[in-house]
N, C-alpha and C. Protein backbone atom coordinates (compact mmCIF):
# COMPACT_ATOMS: atom_id res chain seq x y z
N MET A 1 97.42 -191.46 17.61
CA MET A 1 98.36 -192.03 17.84
C MET A 1 99.31 -191.49 19.16
N LEU A 2 99.67 -192.32 19.94
CA LEU A 2 100.25 -191.43 20.82
C LEU A 2 101.50 -191.54 20.55
N THR A 3 102.48 -190.54 20.82
CA THR A 3 104.44 -190.63 20.73
C THR A 3 104.98 -190.32 22.11
N THR A 4 105.67 -191.08 22.13
CA THR A 4 107.01 -191.31 23.35
C THR A 4 107.87 -190.63 22.92
N TYR A 5 108.31 -189.59 23.63
CA TYR A 5 109.56 -188.87 23.78
C TYR A 5 110.81 -189.05 24.23
N GLY A 6 110.58 -190.08 25.33
CA GLY A 6 111.54 -190.78 25.85
C GLY A 6 110.89 -191.87 27.10
N VAL A 7 112.14 -192.02 28.03
CA VAL A 7 111.57 -192.84 29.05
C VAL A 7 112.26 -192.68 30.37
N HIS A 8 111.58 -192.76 31.29
CA HIS A 8 111.97 -191.88 32.72
C HIS A 8 112.96 -193.02 33.41
N HIS A 9 112.41 -193.95 33.17
CA HIS A 9 113.62 -195.32 33.70
C HIS A 9 113.06 -196.65 33.20
N LEU A 10 114.04 -197.42 33.26
CA LEU A 10 113.86 -199.11 33.35
C LEU A 10 114.03 -199.56 34.33
N SER A 11 113.50 -200.38 34.98
CA SER A 11 113.53 -201.14 36.36
C SER A 11 113.98 -202.64 35.73
N SER A 12 114.80 -203.52 36.91
CA SER A 12 114.90 -205.01 36.40
C SER A 12 115.42 -205.24 37.87
N MET A 13 114.78 -206.45 37.95
CA MET A 13 115.70 -207.46 39.23
C MET A 13 116.85 -208.32 38.82
N VAL A 14 117.86 -207.85 39.20
CA VAL A 14 119.31 -208.46 39.04
C VAL A 14 119.82 -209.47 40.25
N GLY A 15 120.97 -209.84 39.73
CA GLY A 15 121.61 -211.00 40.79
C GLY A 15 122.47 -209.93 41.66
N HIS A 16 123.71 -210.62 41.86
CA HIS A 16 124.27 -209.76 42.85
C HIS A 16 124.65 -208.45 42.58
N ALA A 17 124.44 -207.76 43.75
CA ALA A 17 125.11 -206.23 43.83
C ALA A 17 126.08 -205.65 43.19
N GLN A 18 127.25 -206.14 43.31
CA GLN A 18 128.43 -206.02 43.04
C GLN A 18 128.74 -206.35 41.76
N LYS A 19 128.45 -207.31 41.34
CA LYS A 19 128.35 -207.54 39.51
C LYS A 19 127.44 -206.74 39.06
N ASN A 20 126.40 -206.25 39.37
CA ASN A 20 125.55 -205.14 38.95
C ASN A 20 126.33 -203.82 38.62
N ILE A 21 126.82 -203.40 40.07
CA ILE A 21 127.30 -202.07 39.88
C ILE A 21 128.93 -202.14 38.73
N ASP A 22 129.73 -203.30 38.93
CA ASP A 22 130.88 -203.67 38.16
C ASP A 22 130.59 -203.23 36.52
N PHE A 23 128.91 -203.92 36.08
CA PHE A 23 128.89 -204.04 34.65
C PHE A 23 128.49 -202.78 34.48
N TYR A 24 127.09 -201.91 35.20
CA TYR A 24 126.55 -200.79 34.46
C TYR A 24 127.97 -199.44 35.06
N ALA A 25 128.45 -199.55 36.19
CA ALA A 25 129.38 -198.22 36.15
C ALA A 25 130.81 -198.98 35.76
N GLY A 26 130.93 -200.06 35.79
CA GLY A 26 132.66 -200.41 35.33
C GLY A 26 132.62 -200.80 33.88
N VAL A 27 131.98 -201.67 33.06
CA VAL A 27 131.91 -201.71 31.63
C VAL A 27 131.22 -200.63 31.17
N LEU A 28 129.97 -200.68 31.19
CA LEU A 28 129.08 -199.53 30.57
C LEU A 28 129.79 -197.89 30.66
N LYS A 29 130.10 -197.72 31.67
CA LYS A 29 130.45 -196.56 32.58
C LYS A 29 129.33 -195.64 32.73
N TYR A 30 128.23 -196.13 33.02
CA TYR A 30 127.12 -195.56 33.76
C TYR A 30 127.85 -195.05 35.11
N ARG A 31 126.94 -193.86 35.46
CA ARG A 31 127.19 -193.32 36.75
C ARG A 31 126.10 -193.51 37.91
N LEU A 32 126.78 -194.32 38.98
CA LEU A 32 125.76 -194.66 39.87
C LEU A 32 124.95 -193.48 40.52
N VAL A 33 123.84 -193.41 40.31
CA VAL A 33 123.20 -191.84 40.82
C VAL A 33 123.07 -191.75 42.12
N LYS A 34 122.52 -192.81 42.27
CA LYS A 34 121.63 -193.15 43.68
C LYS A 34 121.69 -194.30 44.12
N GLN A 35 122.09 -194.78 45.62
CA GLN A 35 121.54 -195.87 45.88
C GLN A 35 120.43 -195.66 47.40
N THR A 36 119.76 -196.22 47.19
CA THR A 36 118.54 -196.33 48.50
C THR A 36 118.13 -197.49 48.69
N LEU A 37 117.31 -197.90 50.05
CA LEU A 37 116.98 -199.20 50.32
C LEU A 37 115.46 -198.92 49.73
N ASN A 38 115.19 -200.13 48.97
CA ASN A 38 113.88 -200.45 48.58
C ASN A 38 112.71 -199.97 49.28
N LEU A 39 111.74 -199.12 49.15
CA LEU A 39 110.63 -198.41 49.87
C LEU A 39 109.85 -199.86 50.26
N ASP A 40 110.14 -200.84 49.28
CA ASP A 40 108.70 -202.08 49.53
C ASP A 40 109.60 -203.50 50.23
N ASP A 41 110.69 -203.09 50.66
CA ASP A 41 111.54 -204.06 51.00
C ASP A 41 112.80 -203.54 51.44
N LYS A 42 112.78 -203.13 52.97
CA LYS A 42 113.95 -202.56 53.51
C LYS A 42 115.17 -203.82 53.44
N ASN A 43 115.10 -204.57 52.86
CA ASN A 43 116.49 -205.62 53.13
C ASN A 43 116.92 -205.59 51.68
N MET A 44 116.22 -205.20 50.68
CA MET A 44 116.75 -204.85 49.18
C MET A 44 116.95 -203.51 48.96
N TYR A 45 118.05 -203.43 48.17
CA TYR A 45 118.69 -202.29 47.61
C TYR A 45 118.14 -201.79 46.52
N HIS A 46 117.86 -200.56 46.14
CA HIS A 46 117.55 -200.07 44.64
C HIS A 46 119.02 -199.18 44.16
N LEU A 47 119.58 -199.35 43.00
CA LEU A 47 120.47 -198.59 42.61
C LEU A 47 120.24 -197.76 41.44
N TYR A 48 120.32 -196.77 41.35
CA TYR A 48 119.74 -196.05 39.89
C TYR A 48 121.28 -195.57 39.08
N TYR A 49 121.20 -195.75 37.96
CA TYR A 49 122.31 -195.33 36.84
C TYR A 49 121.69 -194.36 35.77
N SER A 50 122.63 -193.51 35.55
CA SER A 50 122.64 -192.74 34.39
C SER A 50 123.95 -192.29 33.89
N ASN A 51 123.76 -191.41 32.74
CA ASN A 51 124.99 -190.97 31.87
C ASN A 51 125.50 -190.05 32.97
N HIS A 52 126.72 -189.69 32.51
CA HIS A 52 127.70 -188.95 33.20
C HIS A 52 126.95 -187.43 33.64
N ASP A 53 126.00 -187.15 33.27
CA ASP A 53 125.36 -185.72 33.66
C ASP A 53 124.05 -186.09 33.79
N ALA A 54 123.58 -187.53 33.96
CA ALA A 54 122.39 -187.45 34.45
C ALA A 54 121.24 -187.05 33.52
N SER A 55 121.50 -186.92 32.25
CA SER A 55 120.43 -186.27 31.38
C SER A 55 119.47 -187.46 30.49
N SER A 56 120.10 -188.53 30.52
CA SER A 56 119.48 -189.78 30.42
C SER A 56 118.66 -190.19 31.14
N GLY A 57 117.70 -190.98 30.74
CA GLY A 57 116.62 -191.81 31.55
C GLY A 57 117.37 -192.66 32.33
N LEU A 58 116.75 -192.81 33.57
CA LEU A 58 117.31 -193.78 34.51
C LEU A 58 117.35 -195.33 34.21
N ILE A 59 118.39 -195.91 34.56
CA ILE A 59 118.18 -197.31 34.57
C ILE A 59 118.27 -197.67 36.06
N THR A 60 117.07 -198.62 36.73
CA THR A 60 116.97 -198.85 38.10
C THR A 60 117.02 -200.34 38.32
N THR A 61 117.84 -201.18 39.33
CA THR A 61 117.97 -202.31 39.66
C THR A 61 117.91 -202.52 40.95
N PHE A 62 117.31 -203.83 41.35
CA PHE A 62 116.76 -204.30 42.63
C PHE A 62 117.88 -205.30 42.58
N PRO A 63 118.94 -205.40 43.18
CA PRO A 63 120.13 -206.62 43.20
C PRO A 63 119.53 -207.53 44.37
N MET A 64 119.16 -208.76 44.12
CA MET A 64 119.00 -209.95 44.93
C MET A 64 119.97 -211.20 44.92
N ASN A 65 120.85 -211.20 46.04
CA ASN A 65 121.74 -212.08 46.24
C ASN A 65 121.24 -213.16 46.37
N ASN A 66 121.98 -214.55 46.43
CA ASN A 66 121.43 -215.53 46.83
C ASN A 66 120.12 -215.97 46.36
N THR A 67 119.72 -215.73 45.24
CA THR A 67 118.19 -216.15 44.89
C THR A 67 118.63 -217.01 43.94
N ARG A 68 117.54 -217.81 43.20
CA ARG A 68 117.62 -218.48 41.87
C ARG A 68 117.35 -217.66 40.84
N GLU A 69 117.87 -218.52 39.76
CA GLU A 69 117.49 -217.55 38.36
C GLU A 69 115.80 -218.05 38.18
N GLY A 70 115.45 -216.47 37.68
CA GLY A 70 114.08 -216.54 37.20
C GLY A 70 113.68 -216.92 35.80
N SER A 71 112.69 -217.23 35.74
CA SER A 71 111.98 -217.98 34.53
C SER A 71 110.77 -217.25 33.88
N ILE A 72 110.99 -217.13 32.52
CA ILE A 72 109.67 -216.44 32.03
C ILE A 72 108.29 -216.96 32.05
N GLY A 73 107.02 -216.07 32.50
CA GLY A 73 106.12 -216.37 32.93
C GLY A 73 105.14 -216.13 31.99
N ALA A 74 103.59 -216.24 31.78
CA ALA A 74 102.91 -215.59 30.71
C ALA A 74 102.98 -214.10 31.13
N GLY A 75 102.79 -213.45 30.07
CA GLY A 75 102.48 -211.96 30.44
C GLY A 75 103.67 -211.29 30.78
N GLN A 76 105.16 -212.00 31.11
CA GLN A 76 106.14 -211.25 31.67
C GLN A 76 106.81 -210.56 30.20
N VAL A 77 107.67 -209.55 30.64
CA VAL A 77 108.39 -208.88 29.57
C VAL A 77 110.13 -209.85 29.55
N ALA A 78 110.05 -210.64 28.22
CA ALA A 78 110.94 -211.39 28.22
C ALA A 78 112.50 -210.93 27.60
N VAL A 79 112.32 -209.44 26.81
CA VAL A 79 113.36 -209.03 26.25
C VAL A 79 112.77 -207.26 25.92
N ALA A 80 113.76 -206.67 26.50
CA ALA A 80 113.52 -205.25 26.33
C ALA A 80 114.57 -204.73 25.54
N GLY A 81 114.20 -203.93 24.42
CA GLY A 81 115.16 -203.21 23.58
C GLY A 81 115.46 -201.76 24.04
N TYR A 82 116.91 -201.10 24.14
CA TYR A 82 117.04 -200.17 24.36
C TYR A 82 118.04 -199.20 23.52
N ALA A 83 117.52 -197.99 22.68
CA ALA A 83 117.85 -197.50 21.39
C ALA A 83 119.22 -196.51 22.07
N ILE A 84 120.47 -196.44 21.14
CA ILE A 84 121.47 -195.39 21.31
C ILE A 84 121.23 -194.65 20.11
N ARG A 85 122.00 -193.26 20.40
CA ARG A 85 122.31 -192.74 19.35
C ARG A 85 123.14 -193.31 18.49
N PRO A 86 123.17 -193.03 17.24
CA PRO A 86 124.60 -193.65 16.20
C PRO A 86 125.52 -193.68 16.43
N GLU A 87 125.51 -192.17 17.00
CA GLU A 87 126.99 -191.81 16.69
C GLU A 87 127.80 -192.44 17.98
N THR A 88 127.22 -192.94 18.99
CA THR A 88 127.56 -193.48 20.20
C THR A 88 127.93 -194.78 19.84
N LEU A 89 127.73 -195.71 18.84
CA LEU A 89 127.66 -197.11 18.68
C LEU A 89 129.06 -197.65 18.84
N ASN A 90 129.98 -196.74 18.04
CA ASN A 90 131.44 -196.96 17.93
C ASN A 90 132.04 -197.15 19.51
N TYR A 91 131.38 -196.08 20.28
CA TYR A 91 132.22 -196.11 21.60
C TYR A 91 131.84 -197.00 22.57
N LEU A 92 130.56 -197.71 22.26
CA LEU A 92 129.87 -198.79 22.89
C LEU A 92 130.36 -200.08 22.63
N GLU A 93 130.52 -200.18 21.29
CA GLU A 93 131.60 -201.26 20.89
C GLU A 93 132.76 -201.65 21.73
N ASN A 94 133.35 -200.18 21.68
CA ASN A 94 135.06 -200.24 22.09
C ASN A 94 134.82 -200.96 23.56
N ILE A 95 133.84 -200.15 24.31
CA ILE A 95 134.15 -200.23 25.91
C ILE A 95 133.53 -202.12 26.03
N LEU A 96 132.60 -202.73 25.14
CA LEU A 96 132.46 -203.80 25.24
C LEU A 96 133.09 -204.55 24.85
N GLU A 97 134.13 -204.43 23.90
CA GLU A 97 135.20 -205.42 23.35
C GLU A 97 136.48 -205.31 24.28
N SER A 98 136.55 -203.92 24.74
CA SER A 98 137.92 -203.93 26.13
C SER A 98 137.32 -204.94 27.41
N SER A 99 136.09 -204.86 27.50
CA SER A 99 136.02 -205.66 28.70
C SER A 99 135.98 -206.83 28.84
N ILE A 100 136.27 -207.62 27.65
CA ILE A 100 136.04 -209.02 27.26
C ILE A 100 137.31 -209.59 28.12
């Protein structure tokens, strides 16, 4: 059996760019590591987030302003789980509750 020891990055298409930054950098306290233009579409940004010292896997997003909400299709990932260390649970609960 193949064992996975970590994830390099998770990517997702998201809505409004500023709302994306506000959530990941503002609410979750991730660091915006890098912002580039998408290599496949020069009109779209590619945002990279990680923890404070960039030792975690990256979360990368492709903000798409002014688009309709997506729908789940056949063979498409509908839900993704993201594991956290048990000792960080209280910290994450506190920052999520304080953002409401």
